[in-house]
Amino acid sequence: MTEICPKCGLPKDLCICDILEKEAQQQKIKIFTETRKFGKIVTIVEGINKDSLEKVVKELKQRIGCGGTSKNGRIELQGEHKTKVKQILASLGYDQNNIEII
């Protein structure tokens, strides 16, 4: 017997929660860089829903090949990866019109 998703009530293999979550997200996703101690550059991503934050961090770190973490509802990646992050988020199903590089 297949497991049933508690959010949408469909079987796990037909679950549409991730798709609905990405479509429902109307706020802007902001991507920018900050300079930290010793001139280190960190790419910051803000505006990702907290429920999917850990999944997105893991996917970004794997695809880019860098270190990173999620703190205070935002993603911090080591290095300058603004354009790569935008492409990866678009491939994950986020609307490109809602992704803003600052």
PDB file of N, CA and C in Angstrom:
ATOM      1  N   MET A   1       0.845  -1.180   0.000  1.00  0.00           N
ATOM      2  CA  MET A   1       0.000   0.000   0.000  1.00  0.00           C
ATOM      3  C   MET A   1       0.896   1.251   0.000  1.00  0.00           C
ATOM      4  N   THR A   2       0.569   2.209  -0.835  1.00  0.00           N
ATOM      5  CA  THR A   2       1.377   3.415  -0.949  1.00  0.00           C
ATOM      6  C   THR A   2       1.044   4.391   0.169  1.00  0.00           C
ATOM      7  N   GLU A   3       2.032   5.207   0.502  1.00  0.00           N
ATOM      8  CA  GLU A   3       1.833   6.222   1.525  1.00  0.00           C
ATOM      9  C   GLU A   3       1.030   7.380   0.953  1.00  0.00           C
ATOM     10  N   ILE A   4       0.299   8.055   1.821  1.00  0.00           N
ATOM     11  CA  ILE A   4      -0.538   9.181   1.401  1.00  0.00           C
ATOM     12  C   ILE A   4       0.049  10.459   1.994  1.00  0.00           C
ATOM     13  N   CYS A   5       0.138  11.482   1.166  1.00  0.00           N
ATOM     14  CA  CYS A   5       0.662  12.779   1.603  1.00  0.00           C
ATOM     15  C   CYS A   5      -0.334  13.426   2.574  1.00  0.00           C
ATOM     16  N   PRO A   6       0.128  13.887   3.734  1.00  0.00           N
ATOM     17  CA  PRO A   6      -0.793  14.509   4.692  1.00  0.00           C
ATOM     18  C   PRO A   6      -1.306  15.882   4.249  1.00  0.00           C
ATOM     19  N   LYS A   7      -0.573  16.549   3.336  1.00  0.00           N
ATOM     20  CA  LYS A   7      -0.996  17.886   2.903  1.00  0.00           C
ATOM     21  C   LYS A   7      -2.082  17.838   1.835  1.00  0.00           C
ATOM     22  N   CYS A   8      -1.829  17.069   0.749  1.00  0.00           N
ATOM     23  CA  CYS A   8      -2.761  17.089  -0.383  1.00  0.00           C
ATOM     24  C   CYS A   8      -3.684  15.870  -0.422  1.00  0.00           C
ATOM     25  N   GLY A   9      -3.352  14.791   0.316  1.00  0.00           N
ATOM     26  CA  GLY A   9      -4.203  13.621   0.358  1.00  0.00           C
ATOM     27  C   GLY A   9      -4.010  12.666  -0.804  1.00  0.00           C
ATOM     28  N   LEU A  10      -3.044  12.912  -1.656  1.00  0.00           N
ATOM     29  CA  LEU A  10      -2.761  12.034  -2.790  1.00  0.00           C
ATOM     30  C   LEU A  10      -1.644  11.061  -2.416  1.00  0.00           C
ATOM     31  N   PRO A  11      -1.517   9.962  -3.160  1.00  0.00           N
ATOM     32  CA  PRO A  11      -0.380   9.073  -2.911  1.00  0.00           C
ATOM     33  C   PRO A  11       0.937   9.823  -3.135  1.00  0.00           C
ATOM     34  N   LYS A  12       1.991   9.403  -2.413  1.00  0.00           N
ATOM     35  CA  LYS A  12       3.280  10.102  -2.463  1.00  0.00           C
ATOM     36  C   LYS A  12       3.832  10.229  -3.881  1.00  0.00           C
ATOM     37  N   ASP A  13       3.633   9.200  -4.736  1.00  0.00           N
ATOM     38  CA  ASP A  13       4.171   9.282  -6.093  1.00  0.00           C
ATOM     39  C   ASP A  13       3.395  10.255  -6.974  1.00  0.00           C
ATOM     40  N   LEU A  14       2.191  10.651  -6.572  1.00  0.00           N
ATOM     41  CA  LEU A  14       1.400  11.629  -7.328  1.00  0.00           C
ATOM     42  C   LEU A  14       1.271  12.971  -6.599  1.00  0.00           C
ATOM     43  N   CYS A  15       2.014  13.126  -5.516  1.00  0.00           N
ATOM     44  CA  CYS A  15       1.917  14.317  -4.674  1.00  0.00           C
ATOM     45  C   CYS A  15       2.223  15.584  -5.483  1.00  0.00           C
ATOM     46  N   ILE A  16       1.398  16.600  -5.292  1.00  0.00           N
ATOM     47  CA  ILE A  16       1.558  17.861  -6.023  1.00  0.00           C
ATOM     48  C   ILE A  16       1.857  19.029  -5.091  1.00  0.00           C
ATOM     49  N   CYS A  17       2.209  18.742  -3.853  1.00  0.00           N
ATOM     50  CA  CYS A  17       2.451  19.806  -2.875  1.00  0.00           C
ATOM     51  C   CYS A  17       3.583  20.732  -3.293  1.00  0.00           C
ATOM     52  N   ASP A  18       4.691  20.173  -3.803  1.00  0.00           N
ATOM     53  CA  ASP A  18       5.828  21.009  -4.203  1.00  0.00           C
ATOM     54  C   ASP A  18       5.450  21.949  -5.337  1.00  0.00           C
ATOM     55  N   ILE A  19       4.690  21.444  -6.302  1.00  0.00           N
ATOM     56  CA  ILE A  19       4.283  22.270  -7.439  1.00  0.00           C
ATOM     57  C   ILE A  19       3.359  23.389  -6.980  1.00  0.00           C
ATOM     58  N   LEU A  20       2.391  23.056  -6.133  1.00  0.00           N
ATOM     59  CA  LEU A  20       1.465  24.069  -5.641  1.00  0.00           C
ATOM     60  C   LEU A  20       2.179  25.117  -4.793  1.00  0.00           C
ATOM     61  N   GLU A  21       3.153  24.678  -4.012  1.00  0.00           N
ATOM     62  CA  GLU A  21       3.902  25.603  -3.175  1.00  0.00           C
ATOM     63  C   GLU A  21       4.663  26.615  -4.017  1.00  0.00           C
ATOM     64  N   LYS A  22       5.283  26.153  -5.085  1.00  0.00           N
ATOM     65  CA  LYS A  22       6.056  27.050  -5.948  1.00  0.00           C
ATOM     66  C   LYS A  22       5.146  28.006  -6.709  1.00  0.00           C
ATOM     67  N   GLU A  23       3.958  27.528  -7.108  1.00  0.00           N
ATOM     68  CA  GLU A  23       3.022  28.405  -7.810  1.00  0.00           C
ATOM     69  C   GLU A  23       2.409  29.423  -6.868  1.00  0.00           C
ATOM     70  N   ALA A  24       2.180  29.024  -5.632  1.00  0.00           N
ATOM     71  CA  ALA A  24       1.541  29.915  -4.668  1.00  0.00           C
ATOM     72  C   ALA A  24       2.486  30.999  -4.173  1.00  0.00           C
ATOM     73  N   GLN A  25       3.767  30.769  -4.305  1.00  0.00           N
ATOM     74  CA  GLN A  25       4.745  31.728  -3.817  1.00  0.00           C
ATOM     75  C   GLN A  25       4.787  32.930  -4.771  1.00  0.00           C
ATOM     76  N   GLN A  26       4.252  34.050  -4.332  1.00  0.00           N
ATOM     77  CA  GLN A  26       4.188  35.242  -5.169  1.00  0.00           C
ATOM     78  C   GLN A  26       5.247  36.271  -4.798  1.00  0.00           C
ATOM     79  N   GLN A  27       5.916  36.076  -3.670  1.00  0.00           N
ATOM     80  CA  GLN A  27       6.908  37.057  -3.266  1.00  0.00           C
ATOM     81  C   GLN A  27       8.174  36.926  -4.100  1.00  0.00           C
ATOM     82  N   LYS A  28       8.914  37.974  -4.139  1.00  0.00           N
ATOM     83  CA  LYS A  28      10.143  38.013  -4.919  1.00  0.00           C
ATOM     84  C   LYS A  28      11.246  37.231  -4.214  1.00  0.00           C
ATOM     85  N   ILE A  29      12.053  36.565  -5.006  1.00  0.00           N
ATOM     86  CA  ILE A  29      13.258  35.915  -4.514  1.00  0.00           C
ATOM     87  C   ILE A  29      14.414  36.831  -4.875  1.00  0.00           C
ATOM     88  N   LYS A  30      15.170  37.239  -3.878  1.00  0.00           N
ATOM     89  CA  LYS A  30      16.280  38.162  -4.095  1.00  0.00           C
ATOM     90  C   LYS A  30      17.597  37.415  -3.966  1.00  0.00           C
ATOM     91  N   ILE A  31      18.485  37.647  -4.923  1.00  0.00           N
ATOM     92  CA  ILE A  31      19.815  37.047  -4.913  1.00  0.00           C
ATOM     93  C   ILE A  31      20.829  38.190  -4.938  1.00  0.00           C
ATOM     94  N   PHE A  32      21.719  38.215  -3.954  1.00  0.00           N
ATOM     95  CA  PHE A  32      22.746  39.256  -3.904  1.00  0.00           C
ATOM     96  C   PHE A  32      23.986  38.713  -3.208  1.00  0.00           C
ATOM     97  N   THR A  33      25.060  39.487  -3.240  1.00  0.00           N
ATOM     98  CA  THR A  33      26.307  39.067  -2.601  1.00  0.00           C
ATOM     99  C   THR A  33      26.678  40.036  -1.489  1.00  0.00           C
ATOM    100  N   GLU A  34      27.388  39.506  -0.505  1.00  0.00           N
ATOM    101  CA  GLU A  34      27.942  40.310   0.578  1.00  0.00           C
ATOM    102  C   GLU A  34      29.410  39.958   0.716  1.00  0.00           C
ATOM    103  N   THR A  35      30.193  40.915   1.161  1.00  0.00           N
ATOM    104  CA  THR A  35      31.608  40.670   1.421  1.00  0.00           C
ATOM    105  C   THR A  35      31.776  40.516   2.929  1.00  0.00           C
ATOM    106  N   ARG A  36      32.405  39.430   3.327  1.00  0.00           N
ATOM    107  CA  ARG A  36      32.607  39.133   4.739  1.00  0.00           C
ATOM    108  C   ARG A  36      34.065  39.367   5.118  1.00  0.00           C
ATOM    109  N   LYS A  37      34.453  38.845   6.259  1.00  0.00           N
ATOM    110  CA  LYS A  37      35.827  38.983   6.737  1.00  0.00           C
ATOM    111  C   LYS A  37      36.828  38.515   5.702  1.00  0.00           C
ATOM    112  N   PHE A  38      37.937  39.175   5.665  1.00  0.00           N
ATOM    113  CA  PHE A  38      39.058  38.817   4.804  1.00  0.00           C
ATOM    114  C   PHE A  38      38.694  38.823   3.314  1.00  0.00           C
ATOM    115  N   GLY A  39      37.675  39.585   2.923  1.00  0.00           N
ATOM    116  CA  GLY A  39      37.305  39.726   1.524  1.00  0.00           C
ATOM    117  C   GLY A  39      36.557  38.550   0.933  1.00  0.00           C
ATOM    118  N   LYS A  40      36.030  37.669   1.765  1.00  0.00           N
ATOM    119  CA  LYS A  40      35.289  36.504   1.264  1.00  0.00           C
ATOM    120  C   LYS A  40      33.911  36.939   0.774  1.00  0.00           C
ATOM    121  N   ILE A  41      33.501  36.436  -0.384  1.00  0.00           N
ATOM    122  CA  ILE A  41      32.210  36.774  -0.966  1.00  0.00           C
ATOM    123  C   ILE A  41      31.216  35.661  -0.656  1.00  0.00           C
ATOM    124  N   VAL A  42      30.014  36.058  -0.245  1.00  0.00           N
ATOM    125  CA  VAL A  42      28.944  35.125   0.080  1.00  0.00           C
ATOM    126  C   VAL A  42      27.719  35.496  -0.743  1.00  0.00           C
ATOM    127  N   THR A  43      27.116  34.508  -1.417  1.00  0.00           N
ATOM    128  CA  THR A  43      25.885  34.735  -2.168  1.00  0.00           C
ATOM    129  C   THR A  43      24.705  34.476  -1.243  1.00  0.00           C
ATOM    130  N   ILE A  44      23.786  35.435  -1.169  1.00  0.00           N
ATOM    131  CA  ILE A  44      22.621  35.350  -0.290  1.00  0.00           C
ATOM    132  C   ILE A  44      21.365  35.204  -1.147  1.00  0.00           C
ATOM    133  N   VAL A  45      20.477  34.263  -0.762  1.00  0.00           N
ATOM    134  CA  VAL A  45      19.197  34.065  -1.435  1.00  0.00           C
ATOM    135  C   VAL A  45      18.108  34.254  -0.393  1.00  0.00           C
ATOM    136  N   GLU A  46      17.216  35.215  -0.607  1.00  0.00           N
ATOM    137  CA  GLU A  46      16.108  35.479   0.309  1.00  0.00           C
ATOM    138  C   GLU A  46      14.787  35.300  -0.424  1.00  0.00           C
ATOM    139  N   GLY A  47      13.767  34.858   0.296  1.00  0.00           N
ATOM    140  CA  GLY A  47      12.431  34.763  -0.268  1.00  0.00           C
ATOM    141  C   GLY A  47      11.959  33.349  -0.543  1.00  0.00           C
ATOM    142  N   ILE A  48      12.748  32.346  -0.199  1.00  0.00           N
ATOM    143  CA  ILE A  48      12.336  30.950  -0.362  1.00  0.00           C
ATOM    144  C   ILE A  48      11.464  30.577   0.823  1.00  0.00           C
ATOM    145  N   ASN A  49      10.402  29.840   0.565  1.00  0.00           N
ATOM    146  CA  ASN A  49       9.503  29.394   1.621  1.00  0.00           C
ATOM    147  C   ASN A  49      10.266  28.545   2.630  1.00  0.00           C
ATOM    148  N   LYS A  50      10.015  28.754   3.913  1.00  0.00           N
ATOM    149  CA  LYS A  50      10.755  28.052   4.960  1.00  0.00           C
ATOM    150  C   LYS A  50      10.537  26.546   4.934  1.00  0.00           C
ATOM    151  N   ASP A  51       9.401  26.085   4.414  1.00  0.00           N
ATOM    152  CA  ASP A  51       9.135  24.648   4.351  1.00  0.00           C
ATOM    153  C   ASP A  51      10.072  23.940   3.379  1.00  0.00           C
ATOM    154  N   SER A  52      10.439  24.593   2.296  1.00  0.00           N
ATOM    155  CA  SER A  52      11.293  23.962   1.284  1.00  0.00           C
ATOM    156  C   SER A  52      12.728  24.480   1.328  1.00  0.00           C
ATOM    157  N   LEU A  53      13.065  25.247   2.336  1.00  0.00           N
ATOM    158  CA  LEU A  53      14.378  25.884   2.413  1.00  0.00           C
ATOM    159  C   LEU A  53      15.511  24.859   2.445  1.00  0.00           C
ATOM    160  N   GLU A  54      15.392  23.839   3.265  1.00  0.00           N
ATOM    161  CA  GLU A  54      16.463  22.851   3.394  1.00  0.00           C
ATOM    162  C   GLU A  54      16.672  22.066   2.101  1.00  0.00           C
ATOM    163  N   LYS A  55      15.580  21.731   1.408  1.00  0.00           N
ATOM    164  CA  LYS A  55      15.705  21.015   0.131  1.00  0.00           C
ATOM    165  C   LYS A  55      16.430  21.868  -0.905  1.00  0.00           C
ATOM    166  N   VAL A  56      16.078  23.148  -0.958  1.00  0.00           N
ATOM    167  CA  VAL A  56      16.683  24.057  -1.936  1.00  0.00           C
ATOM    168  C   VAL A  56      18.159  24.273  -1.619  1.00  0.00           C
ATOM    169  N   VAL A  57      18.510  24.425  -0.339  1.00  0.00           N
ATOM    170  CA  VAL A  57      19.914  24.592   0.047  1.00  0.00           C
ATOM    171  C   VAL A  57      20.722  23.388  -0.392  1.00  0.00           C
ATOM    172  N   LYS A  58      20.214  22.219  -0.123  1.00  0.00           N
ATOM    173  CA  LYS A  58      20.922  20.989  -0.479  1.00  0.00           C
ATOM    174  C   LYS A  58      21.130  20.895  -1.984  1.00  0.00           C
ATOM    175  N   GLU A  59      20.085  21.205  -2.749  1.00  0.00           N
ATOM    176  CA  GLU A  59      20.175  21.133  -4.210  1.00  0.00           C
ATOM    177  C   GLU A  59      21.167  22.159  -4.763  1.00  0.00           C
ATOM    178  N   LEU A  60      21.131  23.382  -4.243  1.00  0.00           N
ATOM    179  CA  LEU A  60      22.051  24.419  -4.711  1.00  0.00           C
ATOM    180  C   LEU A  60      23.496  24.044  -4.409  1.00  0.00           C
ATOM    181  N   LYS A  61      23.754  23.565  -3.202  1.00  0.00           N
ATOM    182  CA  LYS A  61      25.116  23.195  -2.828  1.00  0.00           C
ATOM    183  C   LYS A  61      25.644  22.057  -3.700  1.00  0.00           C
ATOM    184  N   GLN A  62      24.798  21.082  -4.003  1.00  0.00           N
ATOM    185  CA  GLN A  62      25.220  19.958  -4.830  1.00  0.00           C
ATOM    186  C   GLN A  62      25.497  20.387  -6.262  1.00  0.00           C
ATOM    187  N   ARG A  63      24.596  21.167  -6.844  1.00  0.00           N
ATOM    188  CA  ARG A  63      24.746  21.552  -8.251  1.00  0.00           C
ATOM    189  C   ARG A  63      25.879  22.540  -8.479  1.00  0.00           C
ATOM    190  N   ILE A  64      26.082  23.451  -7.539  1.00  0.00           N
ATOM    191  CA  ILE A  64      27.141  24.449  -7.702  1.00  0.00           C
ATOM    192  C   ILE A  64      28.482  23.886  -7.235  1.00  0.00           C
ATOM    193  N   GLY A  65      28.453  23.036  -6.238  1.00  0.00           N
ATOM    194  CA  GLY A  65      29.693  22.478  -5.713  1.00  0.00           C
ATOM    195  C   GLY A  65      30.377  23.423  -4.747  1.00  0.00           C
ATOM    196  N   CYS A  66      29.601  23.986  -3.833  1.00  0.00           N
ATOM    197  CA  CYS A  66      30.156  24.916  -2.860  1.00  0.00           C
ATOM    198  C   CYS A  66      29.566  24.615  -1.491  1.00  0.00           C
ATOM    199  N   GLY A  67      30.114  25.251  -0.481  1.00  0.00           N
ATOM    200  CA  GLY A  67      29.575  25.128   0.861  1.00  0.00           C
ATOM    201  C   GLY A  67      28.486  26.156   1.072  1.00  0.00           C
ATOM    202  N   GLY A  68      27.670  25.922   2.076  1.00  0.00           N
ATOM    203  CA  GLY A  68      26.619  26.877   2.373  1.00  0.00           C
ATOM    204  C   GLY A  68      25.748  26.406   3.506  1.00  0.00           C
ATOM    205  N   THR A  69      24.791  27.260   3.869  1.00  0.00           N
ATOM    206  CA  THR A  69      23.888  26.960   4.969  1.00  0.00           C
ATOM    207  C   THR A  69      22.614  27.788   4.820  1.00  0.00           C
ATOM    208  N   SER A  70      21.648  27.498   5.688  1.00  0.00           N
ATOM    209  CA  SER A  70      20.454  28.339   5.760  1.00  0.00           C
ATOM    210  C   SER A  70      20.395  28.930   7.163  1.00  0.00           C
ATOM    211  N   LYS A  71      20.312  30.247   7.227  1.00  0.00           N
ATOM    212  CA  LYS A  71      20.249  30.961   8.498  1.00  0.00           C
ATOM    213  C   LYS A  71      19.163  32.017   8.420  1.00  0.00           C
ATOM    214  N   ASN A  72      18.361  32.089   9.455  1.00  0.00           N
ATOM    215  CA  ASN A  72      17.344  33.142   9.585  1.00  0.00           C
ATOM    216  C   ASN A  72      16.442  33.228   8.351  1.00  0.00           C
ATOM    217  N   GLY A  73      16.086  32.092   7.769  1.00  0.00           N
ATOM    218  CA  GLY A  73      15.181  32.085   6.628  1.00  0.00           C
ATOM    219  C   GLY A  73      15.813  32.489   5.312  1.00  0.00           C
ATOM    220  N   ARG A  74      17.130  32.500   5.237  1.00  0.00           N
ATOM    221  CA  ARG A  74      17.799  32.821   3.984  1.00  0.00           C
ATOM    222  C   ARG A  74      18.940  31.835   3.742  1.00  0.00           C
ATOM    223  N   ILE A  75      19.351  31.727   2.496  1.00  0.00           N
ATOM    224  CA  ILE A  75      20.395  30.796   2.102  1.00  0.00           C
ATOM    225  C   ILE A  75      21.688  31.571   1.923  1.00  0.00           C
ATOM    226  N   GLU A  76      22.787  31.041   2.472  1.00  0.00           N
ATOM    227  CA  GLU A  76      24.106  31.647   2.314  1.00  0.00           C
ATOM    228  C   GLU A  76      25.017  30.615   1.652  1.00  0.00           C
ATOM    229  N   LEU A  77      25.556  30.973   0.491  1.00  0.00           N
ATOM    230  CA  LEU A  77      26.456  30.095  -0.255  1.00  0.00           C
ATOM    231  C   LEU A  77      27.832  30.740  -0.343  1.00  0.00           C
ATOM    232  N   GLN A  78      28.868  29.934  -0.215  1.00  0.00           N
ATOM    233  CA  GLN A  78      30.229  30.449  -0.288  1.00  0.00           C
ATOM    234  C   GLN A  78      30.591  30.744  -1.737  1.00  0.00           C
ATOM    235  N   GLY A  79      31.030  31.972  -2.006  1.00  0.00           N
ATOM    236  CA  GLY A  79      31.435  32.358  -3.344  1.00  0.00           C
ATOM    237  C   GLY A  79      30.381  33.189  -4.054  1.00  0.00           C
ATOM    238  N   GLU A  80      30.709  33.627  -5.259  1.00  0.00           N
ATOM    239  CA  GLU A  80      29.790  34.444  -6.057  1.00  0.00           C
ATOM    240  C   GLU A  80      29.136  33.566  -7.112  1.00  0.00           C
ATOM    241  N   HIS A  81      27.827  33.309  -6.939  1.00  0.00           N
ATOM    242  CA  HIS A  81      27.109  32.373  -7.801  1.00  0.00           C
ATOM    243  C   HIS A  81      25.726  32.908  -8.192  1.00  0.00           C
ATOM    244  N   LYS A  82      25.585  34.213  -8.368  1.00  0.00           N
ATOM    245  CA  LYS A  82      24.266  34.803  -8.604  1.00  0.00           C
ATOM    246  C   LYS A  82      23.576  34.237  -9.840  1.00  0.00           C
ATOM    247  N   THR A  83      24.263  34.189 -10.975  1.00  0.00           N
ATOM    248  CA  THR A  83      23.616  33.726 -12.208  1.00  0.00           C
ATOM    249  C   THR A  83      23.341  32.227 -12.162  1.00  0.00           C
ATOM    250  N   LYS A  84      24.252  31.461 -11.572  1.00  0.00           N
ATOM    251  CA  LYS A  84      24.039  30.017 -11.452  1.00  0.00           C
ATOM    252  C   LYS A  84      22.826  29.722 -10.573  1.00  0.00           C
ATOM    253  N   VAL A  85      22.695  30.457  -9.474  1.00  0.00           N
ATOM    254  CA  VAL A  85      21.585  30.243  -8.552  1.00  0.00           C
ATOM    255  C   VAL A  85      20.262  30.530  -9.253  1.00  0.00           C
ATOM    256  N   LYS A  86      20.218  31.598 -10.038  1.00  0.00           N
ATOM    257  CA  LYS A  86      18.981  31.929 -10.752  1.00  0.00           C
ATOM    258  C   LYS A  86      18.606  30.817 -11.730  1.00  0.00           C
ATOM    259  N   GLN A  87      19.571  30.285 -12.453  1.00  0.00           N
ATOM    260  CA  GLN A  87      19.300  29.200 -13.397  1.00  0.00           C
ATOM    261  C   GLN A  87      18.816  27.944 -12.678  1.00  0.00           C
ATOM    262  N   ILE A  88      19.434  27.618 -11.568  1.00  0.00           N
ATOM    263  CA  ILE A  88      19.044  26.414 -10.826  1.00  0.00           C
ATOM    264  C   ILE A  88      17.650  26.573 -10.232  1.00  0.00           C
ATOM    265  N   LEU A  89      17.350  27.740  -9.670  1.00  0.00           N
ATOM    266  CA  LEU A  89      16.015  27.960  -9.117  1.00  0.00           C
ATOM    267  C   LEU A  89      14.952  27.870 -10.209  1.00  0.00           C
ATOM    268  N   ALA A  90      15.262  28.376 -11.399  1.00  0.00           N
ATOM    269  CA  ALA A  90      14.326  28.280 -12.518  1.00  0.00           C
ATOM    270  C   ALA A  90      14.107  26.822 -12.908  1.00  0.00           C
ATOM    271  N   SER A  91      15.180  26.021 -12.886  1.00  0.00           N
ATOM    272  CA  SER A  91      15.044  24.603 -13.232  1.00  0.00           C
ATOM    273  C   SER A  91      14.294  23.828 -12.155  1.00  0.00           C
ATOM    274  N   LEU A  92      14.282  24.337 -10.921  1.00  0.00           N
ATOM    275  CA  LEU A  92      13.533  23.702  -9.842  1.00  0.00           C
ATOM    276  C   LEU A  92      12.057  24.070  -9.877  1.00  0.00           C
ATOM    277  N   GLY A  93      11.668  24.969 -10.763  1.00  0.00           N
ATOM    278  CA  GLY A  93      10.260  25.302 -10.927  1.00  0.00           C
ATOM    279  C   GLY A  93       9.854  26.675 -10.434  1.00  0.00           C
ATOM    280  N   TYR A  94      10.778  27.459  -9.935  1.00  0.00           N
ATOM    281  CA  TYR A  94      10.458  28.821  -9.502  1.00  0.00           C
ATOM    282  C   TYR A  94      10.366  29.722 -10.726  1.00  0.00           C
ATOM    283  N   ASP A  95       9.443  30.676 -10.691  1.00  0.00           N
ATOM    284  CA  ASP A  95       9.202  31.569 -11.812  1.00  0.00           C
ATOM    285  C   ASP A  95      10.362  32.546 -11.967  1.00  0.00           C
ATOM    286  N   GLN A  96      10.932  32.624 -13.170  1.00  0.00           N
ATOM    287  CA  GLN A  96      12.064  33.516 -13.416  1.00  0.00           C
ATOM    288  C   GLN A  96      11.688  34.987 -13.226  1.00  0.00           C
ATOM    289  N   ASN A  97      10.430  35.327 -13.435  1.00  0.00           N
ATOM    290  CA  ASN A  97      10.004  36.710 -13.269  1.00  0.00           C
ATOM    291  C   ASN A  97      10.021  37.133 -11.809  1.00  0.00           C
ATOM    292  N   ASN A  98       9.957  36.168 -10.879  1.00  0.00           N
ATOM    293  CA  ASN A  98       9.976  36.473  -9.458  1.00  0.00           C
ATOM    294  C   ASN A  98      11.382  36.409  -8.867  1.00  0.00           C
ATOM    295  N   ILE A  99      12.374  36.056  -9.657  1.00  0.00           N
ATOM    296  CA  ILE A  99      13.755  35.966  -9.176  1.00  0.00           C
ATOM    297  C   ILE A  99      14.493  37.224  -9.616  1.00  0.00           C
ATOM    298  N   GLU A 100      15.025  37.953  -8.637  1.00  0.00           N
ATOM    299  CA  GLU A 100      15.683  39.227  -8.907  1.00  0.00           C
ATOM    300  C   GLU A 100      17.136  39.173  -8.430  1.00  0.00           C
ATOM    301  N   ILE A 101      18.053  39.495  -9.338  1.00  0.00           N
ATOM    302  CA  ILE A 101      19.467  39.582  -8.970  1.00  0.00           C
ATOM    303  C   ILE A 101      19.783  41.039  -8.691  1.00  0.00           C
ATOM    304  N   ILE A 102      20.303  41.291  -7.499  1.00  0.00           N
ATOM    305  CA  ILE A 102      20.616  42.664  -7.085  1.00  0.00           C
ATOM    306  C   ILE A 102      22.109  42.884  -7.200  1.00  0.00           C
TER     307      ILE A 102
END
